[in-house]
Protein backbone atom coordinates (compact mmCIF):
# COMPACT_ATOMS: atom_id res chain seq x y z
CA MET A 1 -17.62 19.54 2.69
CA LEU A 2 -13.99 19.14 1.71
CA THR A 3 -12.38 22.44 0.86
CA ARG A 4 -9.48 22.77 -1.54
CA ARG A 5 -7.17 23.27 1.44
CA ASP A 6 -8.58 20.16 3.15
CA PHE A 7 -8.04 18.19 -0.02
CA PHE A 8 -4.41 19.21 -0.26
CA ARG A 9 -3.83 18.29 3.40
CA GLY A 10 -5.63 14.92 3.22
CA ALA A 11 -4.18 13.92 -0.11
CA GLY A 12 -0.62 14.98 0.65
CA ALA A 13 -0.56 17.02 -2.55
CA VAL A 14 2.03 19.71 -2.98
CA THR A 15 1.51 22.84 -5.06
CA ALA A 16 4.62 23.77 -6.94
CA ALA A 17 5.57 25.93 -9.88
CA VAL A 18 7.13 24.22 -12.86
CA THR A 19 10.88 24.46 -12.37
CA ALA A 20 12.18 23.60 -15.82
CA ALA A 21 14.62 26.31 -16.84
CA SER A 22 13.17 26.47 -20.33
CA VAL A 23 9.70 27.41 -19.03
CA SER A 24 9.19 31.16 -18.63
CA LYS A 25 8.39 32.02 -15.00
CA VAL A 26 6.68 35.20 -16.14
CA ALA A 27 4.35 33.23 -18.40
CA MET A 28 3.75 30.65 -15.68
CA ALA A 29 2.62 33.31 -13.22
CA ALA A 30 -0.59 33.85 -15.17
CA LEU A 31 -1.49 30.17 -15.25
CA PRO A 32 -3.37 28.08 -12.69
CA GLU A 33 -0.83 26.85 -10.18
CA PRO A 34 0.07 23.25 -11.11
CA VAL A 35 -0.75 20.73 -8.38
CA ILE A 36 1.74 17.88 -8.07
CA GLN A 37 0.93 14.55 -6.41
CA THR A 38 3.52 11.90 -5.62
CA LYS A 39 1.64 9.53 -3.29
CA ALA A 40 0.26 6.35 -4.81
CA GLU A 41 -2.64 5.80 -2.40
CA THR A 42 -6.29 6.33 -3.31
CA MET A 43 -7.06 9.94 -2.42
CA PRO A 44 -10.39 11.23 -1.08
CA PRO A 45 -12.95 12.54 -3.55
CA LEU A 46 -12.63 16.23 -4.41
CA THR A 47 -15.95 17.86 -3.52
CA PRO A 48 -16.41 20.88 -5.82
CA ALA A 49 -15.95 24.22 -4.07
CA SER A 50 -16.89 26.22 -7.16
CA GLY A 51 -18.88 25.70 -10.32
CA ARG A 52 -21.87 23.37 -10.64
CA PRO A 53 -22.25 20.74 -7.88
CA TYR A 54 -21.82 17.02 -8.59
CA ASN A 55 -21.18 13.73 -6.82
CA PRO A 56 -17.36 13.31 -7.18
CA VAL A 57 -15.60 10.13 -8.22
CA VAL A 58 -12.86 8.26 -6.38
CA THR A 59 -9.83 7.44 -8.54
CA LEU A 60 -8.36 4.07 -7.61
CA ASN A 61 -4.77 4.75 -6.47
CA GLY A 62 -5.12 8.25 -7.85
CA TRP A 63 -6.67 11.68 -7.37
CA THR A 64 -8.70 14.47 -8.97
CA LEU A 65 -7.05 17.62 -10.36
CA PRO A 66 -8.22 20.88 -8.73
CA TRP A 67 -9.18 23.83 -10.93
CA ARG A 68 -9.79 27.56 -10.69
CA MET A 69 -12.81 29.46 -11.95
CA ASN A 70 -11.95 32.37 -14.26
CA GLN A 71 -14.95 34.38 -15.48
CA GLY A 72 -17.14 31.29 -15.73
CA VAL A 73 -14.43 29.05 -17.24
CA LYS A 74 -12.96 26.05 -15.42
CA GLU A 75 -9.18 26.23 -15.81
CA PHE A 76 -6.91 23.22 -15.25
CA HIS A 77 -3.14 22.89 -15.56
CA LEU A 78 -1.59 19.62 -16.68
CA VAL A 79 2.21 19.17 -16.65
CA ALA A 80 3.61 16.39 -18.86
CA GLU A 81 6.81 15.17 -17.20
CA PRO A 82 8.97 12.19 -16.19
CA VAL A 83 7.67 10.62 -12.95
CA VAL A 84 8.57 7.82 -10.57
CA ARG A 85 5.54 5.60 -9.96
CA GLU A 86 5.43 3.16 -7.06
CA MET A 87 3.69 0.20 -8.71
CA SER A 88 3.57 -1.72 -5.42
CA PRO A 89 5.25 -1.12 -2.06
CA GLY A 90 9.01 -1.11 -2.65
CA PHE A 91 8.76 -1.53 -6.43
CA ARG A 92 9.12 1.64 -8.51
CA ALA A 93 9.14 2.36 -12.21
CA HIS A 94 10.51 5.36 -14.11
CA LEU A 95 7.56 6.46 -16.25
CA TRP A 96 6.20 9.52 -17.99
CA GLY A 97 2.98 11.05 -16.76
CA TYR A 98 1.26 14.21 -15.61
CA ASN A 99 1.57 16.26 -12.41
CA GLY A 100 3.86 13.81 -10.67
CA GLN A 101 1.86 10.65 -11.40
CA SER A 102 1.13 8.02 -14.01
CA PRO A 103 -1.67 7.92 -14.86
CA GLY A 104 -2.25 11.61 -14.50
CA PRO A 105 -4.97 13.06 -12.27
CA THR A 106 -8.63 12.54 -13.09
CA ILE A 107 -10.36 15.59 -14.55
CA GLU A 108 -13.96 16.12 -13.40
CA VAL A 109 -16.34 18.60 -15.00
CA VAL A 110 -20.08 19.00 -15.48
CA GLU A 111 -22.03 18.81 -18.70
CA GLY A 112 -22.07 22.28 -20.24
CA ASP A 113 -18.92 23.49 -18.46
CA ARG A 114 -16.61 25.77 -20.43
CA VAL A 115 -13.17 24.22 -19.98
CA ARG A 116 -9.68 25.64 -20.51
CA MET A 117 -6.75 23.19 -20.28
CA PHE A 118 -3.21 24.55 -19.95
CA VAL A 119 -0.68 21.83 -20.86
CA THR A 120 3.01 22.42 -20.08
CA ASN A 121 5.60 20.06 -21.57
CA LYS A 122 8.54 19.06 -19.36
CA LEU A 123 9.39 15.97 -21.42
CA PRO A 124 12.58 15.66 -23.49
CA GLU A 125 10.49 15.56 -26.69
CA HIS A 126 7.35 17.21 -28.09
CA THR A 127 3.90 15.99 -27.10
CA SER A 128 0.17 16.74 -27.42
CA ILE A 129 -3.06 15.65 -25.71
CA HIS A 130 -6.02 13.95 -27.35
CA TRP A 131 -9.28 14.24 -25.40
CA HIS A 132 -10.51 10.72 -26.11
CA GLY A 133 -14.27 10.56 -26.75
CA GLN A 134 -15.00 14.29 -26.46
CA ARG A 135 -17.14 16.30 -28.87
CA LEU A 136 -15.08 19.45 -29.51
CA PRO A 137 -13.73 21.73 -32.26
CA ASN A 138 -11.45 19.88 -34.65
CA GLY A 139 -8.48 22.08 -33.81
CA MET A 140 -8.73 21.05 -30.15
CA ASP A 141 -8.70 17.29 -30.78
CA GLY A 142 -4.97 17.01 -30.07
CA VAL A 143 -3.51 15.04 -32.98
CA ALA A 144 -0.09 16.57 -33.54
CA GLY A 145 0.56 17.52 -37.15
CA LEU A 146 -3.10 17.04 -38.12
CA ASN A 147 -5.03 19.32 -35.77
CA GLN A 148 -2.27 21.33 -34.07
CA LYS A 149 1.43 21.96 -33.82
CA ALA A 150 3.08 19.67 -31.28
CA ILE A 151 3.85 21.09 -27.82
CA GLN A 152 7.60 21.55 -27.79
CA PRO A 153 9.69 20.94 -24.64
CA GLY A 154 9.35 23.86 -22.22
CA LYS A 155 6.26 25.25 -23.97
CA THR A 156 2.64 25.53 -22.82
CA MET A 157 -0.40 25.25 -25.08
CA VAL A 158 -4.07 25.85 -24.35
CA TYR A 159 -7.11 23.75 -25.25
CA GLU A 160 -10.59 25.29 -24.95
CA PHE A 161 -13.93 23.54 -25.45
CA VAL A 162 -17.32 22.88 -23.88
CA ALA A 163 -17.98 19.57 -22.11
CA ARG A 164 -20.95 18.78 -24.31
CA ARG A 165 -22.10 15.38 -23.05
CA PRO A 166 -21.87 13.39 -19.81
CA GLY A 167 -19.82 10.22 -19.65
CA THR A 168 -16.44 8.64 -18.91
CA PHE A 169 -13.53 9.55 -21.16
CA MET A 170 -9.73 9.50 -21.26
CA TYR A 171 -6.86 11.74 -22.24
CA HIS A 172 -3.54 10.67 -23.72
CA PRO A 173 -0.88 11.91 -26.18
CA HIS A 174 -1.35 11.81 -29.92
CA ALA A 175 2.33 12.45 -30.61
CA ASP A 176 4.89 9.62 -30.57
CA GLU A 177 2.12 7.48 -29.08
CA MET A 178 4.18 4.29 -29.15
CA THR A 179 6.70 5.79 -26.74
CA GLN A 180 4.59 8.10 -24.65
CA MET A 181 1.69 5.75 -23.94
CA ALA A 182 4.08 2.84 -23.32
CA MET A 183 5.73 5.09 -20.75
CA GLY A 184 2.42 5.70 -18.95
CA MET A 185 1.02 8.96 -20.31
CA MET A 186 -2.74 8.80 -19.85
CA GLY A 187 -5.52 9.90 -17.51
CA SER A 188 -9.26 9.68 -16.85
CA TRP A 189 -11.89 12.31 -17.57
CA VAL A 190 -15.41 12.28 -16.09
CA THR A 191 -18.18 14.61 -17.23
CA HIS A 192 -21.09 14.56 -14.78
CA PRO A 193 -24.66 15.27 -15.91
CA LYS A 194 -25.83 18.81 -15.12
CA GLY A 195 -29.14 17.55 -13.71
CA LYS A 196 -31.23 14.44 -13.36
CA HIS A 197 -30.57 12.28 -16.41
CA PRO A 198 -33.00 9.60 -17.68
CA LEU A 199 -30.16 7.13 -18.36
CA ILE A 200 -27.72 7.96 -15.54
CA ASP A 201 -28.79 6.85 -12.06
CA GLU A 202 -27.49 8.52 -8.93
CA VAL A 203 -25.03 6.34 -7.01
CA ASP A 204 -23.53 6.32 -3.53
CA ARG A 205 -19.96 5.47 -4.58
CA ASP A 206 -18.32 6.12 -7.92
CA PHE A 207 -14.88 4.68 -8.78
CA VAL A 208 -12.71 5.18 -11.88
CA PHE A 209 -9.42 3.72 -13.11
CA LEU A 210 -7.50 2.86 -16.28
CA LEU A 211 -6.08 -0.47 -17.44
CA ASN A 212 -2.44 -0.24 -18.51
CA ALA A 213 0.48 -2.59 -19.16
CA TYR A 214 4.26 -2.34 -19.06
CA ASP A 215 7.28 -4.41 -19.99
CA VAL A 216 9.84 -3.83 -17.25
CA ASP A 217 12.63 -6.37 -16.95
CA PRO A 218 13.21 -7.72 -13.42
CA GLY A 219 15.75 -5.50 -11.69
CA SER A 220 15.26 -2.56 -14.05
CA TYR A 221 13.20 0.61 -13.80
CA THR A 222 12.22 1.78 -17.29
CA PRO A 223 9.62 0.12 -19.55
CA LYS A 224 10.63 -1.23 -22.94
CA ILE A 225 8.72 0.86 -25.46
CA MET A 226 8.89 -1.50 -28.46
CA THR A 227 6.86 -4.28 -26.85
CA MET A 228 3.62 -5.03 -28.70
CA MET A 229 2.04 -7.94 -26.80
CA ASP A 230 4.45 -9.63 -24.37
CA PHE A 231 3.99 -7.30 -21.41
CA ASN A 232 4.95 -8.61 -17.99
CA LEU A 233 3.17 -6.08 -15.75
CA TRP A 234 -0.59 -5.77 -16.09
CA SER A 235 -1.84 -2.91 -13.95
CA TRP A 236 -4.75 -0.77 -12.83
CA ASN A 237 -3.74 2.88 -12.74
CA SER A 238 -0.10 1.74 -12.93
CA ARG A 239 -0.43 -0.35 -9.76
CA ILE A 240 -0.11 -4.13 -9.51
CA PHE A 241 -1.52 -6.44 -6.83
CA PRO A 242 -0.91 -6.46 -3.92
CA GLY A 243 -0.34 -2.72 -4.43
CA ILE A 244 -3.86 -2.03 -5.77
CA ASP A 245 -6.13 -0.54 -3.11
CA PRO A 246 -9.48 -2.19 -2.30
CA LEU A 247 -12.74 -0.62 -3.39
CA VAL A 248 -14.47 -0.01 -0.05
CA VAL A 249 -18.27 0.35 0.01
CA ARG A 250 -21.16 0.26 2.47
CA LYS A 251 -23.67 -2.58 2.27
CA ASN A 252 -26.64 -1.68 0.04
CA ASP A 253 -24.73 1.19 -1.57
CA LYS A 254 -25.42 1.72 -5.26
CA VAL A 255 -21.92 1.51 -6.74
CA ARG A 256 -20.53 2.63 -10.10
CA ILE A 257 -17.14 1.56 -11.48
CA ARG A 258 -15.73 3.25 -14.61
CA ILE A 259 -12.94 1.35 -16.41
CA GLY A 260 -10.86 2.52 -19.38
CA ASN A 261 -8.48 0.35 -21.42
CA LEU A 262 -5.27 1.78 -22.89
CA THR A 263 -3.38 -1.52 -23.13
CA MET A 264 -2.73 -3.50 -26.33
CA THR A 265 -5.33 -6.22 -25.66
CA ASN A 266 -8.82 -6.73 -24.26
CA HIS A 267 -9.61 -7.43 -20.60
CA PRO A 268 -12.65 -9.38 -19.34
CA ILE A 269 -13.24 -7.69 -15.97
CA HIS A 270 -14.98 -9.97 -13.46
CA LEU A 271 -16.67 -9.20 -10.13
CA HIS A 272 -17.39 -11.90 -7.56
CA GLY A 273 -20.54 -12.11 -5.46
CA HIS A 274 -22.68 -9.59 -7.38
CA GLU A 275 -24.23 -8.93 -10.77
CA PHE A 276 -23.86 -5.60 -12.54
CA LEU A 277 -25.28 -3.75 -15.52
CA VAL A 278 -23.14 -2.08 -18.20
CA THR A 279 -24.68 1.37 -18.02
CA GLY A 280 -22.24 3.40 -20.11
CA THR A 281 -19.38 3.47 -22.60
CA ASP A 282 -17.15 6.25 -23.91
CA GLY A 283 -20.03 6.92 -26.32
CA GLY A 284 -22.30 7.83 -23.40
CA PRO A 285 -24.93 6.07 -21.29
CA THR A 286 -26.38 2.88 -22.74
CA PRO A 287 -30.13 2.62 -23.49
CA ARG A 288 -31.94 0.77 -20.70
CA SER A 289 -33.27 -1.76 -23.20
CA THR A 290 -29.70 -2.95 -23.93
CA ARG A 291 -28.74 -3.71 -20.31
CA TRP A 292 -28.74 -7.16 -18.76
CA PRO A 293 -27.14 -8.65 -15.62
CA GLU A 294 -23.50 -9.67 -16.02
CA VAL A 295 -20.63 -10.71 -13.78
CA THR A 296 -17.94 -10.16 -16.45
CA THR A 297 -17.65 -7.48 -19.10
CA ASP A 298 -14.99 -7.28 -21.80
CA VAL A 299 -13.21 -3.96 -22.11
CA ALA A 300 -11.54 -3.77 -25.52
CA VAL A 301 -8.60 -1.55 -26.51
CA GLY A 302 -9.47 2.15 -26.43
CA GLN A 303 -12.84 1.56 -24.75
CA MET A 304 -14.50 2.71 -21.55
CA ARG A 305 -17.02 0.61 -19.64
CA GLN A 306 -19.22 1.90 -16.84
CA VAL A 307 -20.88 -0.73 -14.62
CA ASP A 308 -23.45 -0.24 -11.85
CA PHE A 309 -24.40 -2.71 -9.12
CA LEU A 310 -26.06 -2.93 -5.73
CA ALA A 311 -23.53 -3.97 -3.08
CA ASP A 312 -25.97 -6.12 -1.10
CA GLU A 313 -23.66 -9.01 -0.16
CA GLU A 314 -21.19 -8.46 2.68
CA GLY A 315 -17.68 -9.78 2.30
CA ASP A 316 -14.32 -9.38 0.59
CA TRP A 317 -15.13 -10.02 -3.07
CA ALA A 318 -12.41 -10.56 -5.68
CA PHE A 319 -12.43 -8.15 -8.61
CA HIS A 320 -10.01 -8.85 -11.45
CA CYS A 321 -9.23 -9.42 -15.11
CA HIS A 322 -10.24 -12.94 -16.03
CA LYS A 323 -7.24 -13.54 -18.29
CA SER A 324 -5.25 -15.59 -15.81
CA HIS A 325 -1.82 -14.43 -17.03
CA HIS A 326 -2.93 -10.85 -16.36
CA THR A 327 -3.13 -11.65 -12.64
CA MET A 328 0.58 -12.30 -12.21
CA ASN A 329 3.59 -10.03 -12.15
CA ALA A 330 7.03 -10.07 -13.78
CA MET A 331 8.92 -13.38 -14.14
CA GLY A 332 5.68 -15.14 -15.05
CA HIS A 333 6.50 -15.58 -18.74
CA ASP A 334 8.67 -18.19 -20.45
CA VAL A 335 8.62 -20.58 -17.48
CA PRO A 336 8.56 -24.13 -18.89
CA THR A 337 5.85 -26.54 -17.78
CA MET A 338 7.53 -29.07 -15.48
CA ILE A 339 4.39 -30.53 -13.90
CA GLY A 340 4.67 -34.27 -13.26
CA ILE A 341 8.44 -34.47 -13.89
CA ASP A 342 10.51 -36.03 -11.11
CA HIS A 343 13.60 -33.84 -10.76
CA ARG A 344 14.99 -35.35 -7.58
CA GLY A 345 17.90 -37.18 -9.16
CA VAL A 346 19.10 -34.38 -11.40
CA VAL A 347 18.48 -31.68 -8.76
CA LYS A 348 20.82 -33.45 -6.35
CA GLN A 349 23.57 -33.40 -8.97
CA ILE A 350 22.95 -29.77 -9.93
CA THR A 351 22.95 -28.50 -6.34
CA ASN A 352 26.39 -30.04 -5.86
CA LEU A 353 27.57 -27.49 -8.43
CA LEU A 354 25.03 -24.70 -7.78
CA PRO A 355 23.93 -24.73 -4.13
CA ASP A 356 21.25 -22.07 -4.69
CA TYR A 357 19.53 -23.98 -7.53
CA MET A 358 15.84 -24.73 -7.02
CA VAL A 359 13.20 -26.48 -9.09
CA MET A 360 10.39 -24.31 -10.46
CA ALA A 361 6.82 -25.39 -11.30
CA GLU A 362 7.31 -29.11 -10.60
CA ARG A 363 3.89 -29.29 -8.95
CA GLY A 364 2.38 -26.12 -10.41
CA MET A 365 3.14 -22.44 -9.76
CA ALA A 366 1.62 -22.10 -6.27
CA ASP A 367 4.97 -23.01 -4.71
CA MET A 368 6.34 -19.73 -6.07
CA THR A 369 4.44 -17.81 -3.38
CA GLU A 370 6.16 -19.81 -0.63
CA MET A 371 9.73 -19.73 -1.95
CA GLU A 372 12.18 -17.35 -0.40
CA MET A 373 14.06 -17.12 -3.65
CA PRO A 374 16.21 -13.98 -3.90
CA LEU A 375 14.89 -11.53 -6.49
CA PRO A 376 16.72 -8.77 -8.36
CA ASP A 377 16.46 -5.33 -6.78
CA ASN A 378 13.27 -3.46 -7.63
CA THR A 379 11.37 -6.60 -8.64
CA GLU A 380 7.89 -7.58 -7.47
CA PRO A 381 7.24 -11.33 -6.86
CA MET A 382 5.25 -13.05 -9.58
CA MET A 383 2.32 -13.77 -7.26
CA GLY A 384 1.72 -12.34 -3.83
CA GLY A 385 -0.66 -10.77 -1.41
CA HIS A 386 -1.72 -12.47 1.81
CA GLY A 387 -5.28 -12.81 3.02
CA PRO A 388 -6.68 -14.13 6.31
CA PHE A 389 -6.33 -17.73 5.09
CA GLY A 390 -2.89 -17.55 3.43
CA SER A 391 -1.44 -16.48 0.11
CA VAL A 392 -3.92 -15.10 -2.41
CA GLU A 393 -1.57 -16.21 -5.24
CA MET A 394 -2.44 -13.29 -7.47
CA GLY A 395 -0.68 -10.33 -9.02
CA GLY A 396 -1.32 -7.76 -11.73
CA MET A 397 -4.94 -6.78 -12.37
CA PHE A 398 -6.54 -7.88 -9.11
CA SER A 399 -8.23 -6.10 -6.24
CA ILE A 400 -11.01 -6.60 -3.69
CA VAL A 401 -14.43 -5.01 -3.34
CA LYS A 402 -14.97 -4.78 0.44
CA VAL A 403 -18.65 -4.56 1.37
CA ARG A 404 -19.47 -3.76 5.02
CA LYS A 405 -22.79 -3.02 6.70
CA ASP A 406 -21.11 -0.80 9.34
CA GLN A 407 -19.05 1.27 6.87
CA LYS A 408 -20.11 4.88 7.26
CA PRO A 409 -21.35 6.86 4.24
CA GLY A 410 -18.44 8.56 2.54
CA ASP A 411 -15.86 6.47 4.47
CA TYR A 412 -13.31 4.83 2.16
CA LYS A 413 -10.88 3.58 4.81
CA ASP A 414 -9.94 -0.09 4.58
CA PRO A 415 -12.03 -1.95 7.21
CA GLY A 416 -9.66 -4.91 7.37
CA TRP A 417 -10.57 -8.50 6.60
CA TYR A 418 -14.19 -9.64 6.64
CA GLN A 419 -15.28 -11.48 9.79
CA HIS A 420 -17.28 -14.43 8.47
CA PRO A 421 -20.37 -15.46 10.43
CA GLN A 422 -20.00 -18.88 12.03
CA GLY A 423 -20.67 -21.73 9.64
CA THR A 424 -20.20 -19.71 6.45
CA VAL A 425 -16.60 -20.68 5.56
CA ALA A 426 -15.73 -23.72 3.45
CA PHE A 427 -14.28 -26.48 5.64
CA GLU A 428 -12.41 -29.75 5.31
CA TRP A 429 -14.54 -32.90 5.33
CA THR A 430 -13.16 -35.56 7.66
CA GLY A 431 -16.15 -37.88 8.06
CA PRO A 432 -17.02 -41.09 6.19
CA LEU A 433 -17.83 -40.85 2.51
CA ALA A 434 -21.38 -41.65 1.50
CA ASP A 435 -21.97 -44.34 -1.13
CA PRO A 436 -22.04 -42.75 -4.57
CA ALA A 437 -25.36 -42.63 -6.35
CA ARG A 438 -25.63 -45.23 -9.10
CA PHE A 439 -27.01 -44.55 -12.52
CA GLN A 440 -30.04 -46.75 -13.18
CA ALA A 441 -29.11 -47.17 -16.82
CA GLU A 442 -25.55 -47.68 -17.95
CA GLY A 443 -24.28 -45.59 -20.81
CA GLY A 444 -26.06 -42.45 -19.71
CA LEU A 445 -28.30 -42.30 -22.79
CA SER A 446 -30.93 -39.62 -22.48
CA MET A 447 -33.11 -41.50 -25.02
CA PRO A 448 -32.66 -45.31 -24.81
CA ALA A 449 -32.67 -47.02 -28.21
CA LYS A 450 -35.85 -48.88 -29.12
CA LYS A 451 -35.30 -52.64 -29.24
CA LEU A 452 -36.23 -54.01 -32.70
CA PRO A 453 -36.58 -57.67 -33.75
CA MET A 454 -33.38 -58.85 -35.38
CA LYS A 455 -33.25 -60.83 -38.65
CA ASN A 456 -30.51 -61.89 -40.98
CA VAL A 457 -29.96 -59.64 -43.98
CA GLU A 458 -27.88 -60.62 -47.01
CA VAL A 459 -26.04 -57.74 -48.62
CA GLN A 460 -25.23 -57.93 -52.32
CA VAL A 461 -22.78 -55.58 -54.04
CA ARG A 462 -23.18 -54.59 -57.67
CA LYS A 463 -20.53 -52.78 -59.68
CA PRO A 464 -21.65 -50.27 -62.29
CA ALA A 465 -21.46 -51.36 -65.90
CA GLY A 466 -18.99 -49.87 -68.37
CA HIS A 467 -15.46 -48.56 -67.88
CA GLY A 468 -14.18 -52.02 -68.54
CA GLY A 469 -16.27 -53.60 -65.87
CA ARG A 470 -18.97 -56.21 -66.16
CA LYS A 471 -22.07 -57.04 -64.23
CA GLN A 472 -21.62 -59.36 -61.28
């Protein structure tokens, strides 16, 4: 079993007191010590060392927040603060988040737990936290001005409630939402059932992540907060492909993936090679009579979707948003369509004046993955990621579910690329082409017309009487 100390060592987490001068150190001494995480890798699950037992989740490119038990109450400490998030290796964004990360750490509790949340504000403006989807007292719902006074900079406020029902939820500000959510302030919340539940199956692996989007100009670091739809970075837990970790599972594992959407549009999430059931929403588990096999489920704005599947097909299976412009990174917008246009003459003249000029999208966008075009500092290529057969030509909301028969239970380490059995990879055909099959009946009619005897028919036209007309 992982102890709290083992978790800190394996995750690279650092415990640190809040250092803002405006926060009272005397007051902070009585609070749970805030745990700060700065690594962007997927951290191991946090096996509970106190409280009710449960099967912990794995947060994709994230981690679970430790707690302390205080007279039967689970106490957590969230710190709202500016953070630097590595969205992919070498590409960083200046965001706002919690405890050193954006999104903040996942909070895991058990149905019936008494929960106390300390929230310290280290932002330059006031904030609050809304516990999205929770049943709780109205004064704990977190809407600044309506249910509570906003948390001022340097202050700490406390939320107390009982985790009344199992499910997958979120937390995010309900103060200056346009700015704070656009800057990355959000996190996942999982409430596990306290015992065997008729609608919640036990699973071997349980993943969770949030969908989020940013508008960060190439070469810059800070998102534009006034953007409504034209985002250029579509991310999972504020990571973009190829920076999104794979979801590693053992063959024949029962797998659960929990997905929350805090972007400004819907996302049809698609899994290759398997079928899944939608087994839960932020309203709770779905009735069994409403479930059917799917390979794509749409996650609308402000929704959670929980999907379960049996990982019974080995391989490296793509897992992504099916909106194609959500699987590319910055610089993918406002590129004109140049397909089929012969630029050779004009390019020769332009390069005489601008030697570094190059044609874009003359044959499609795949060439972009092969160009060694210089990019502004702190800019991720539009499409990237290399697999065993070449460029994957993807970005944004894309990852891989890696299913392996020899993956050990509880082992989440990347096993590398799948070794395909001989004869199971698509190959180039170099032999003679067979004669095409011919349709027996031209026209392709499914119901041939009945042939009728033809005879001449004389058509006479009569105009109506009146209105100045006369019979013909």
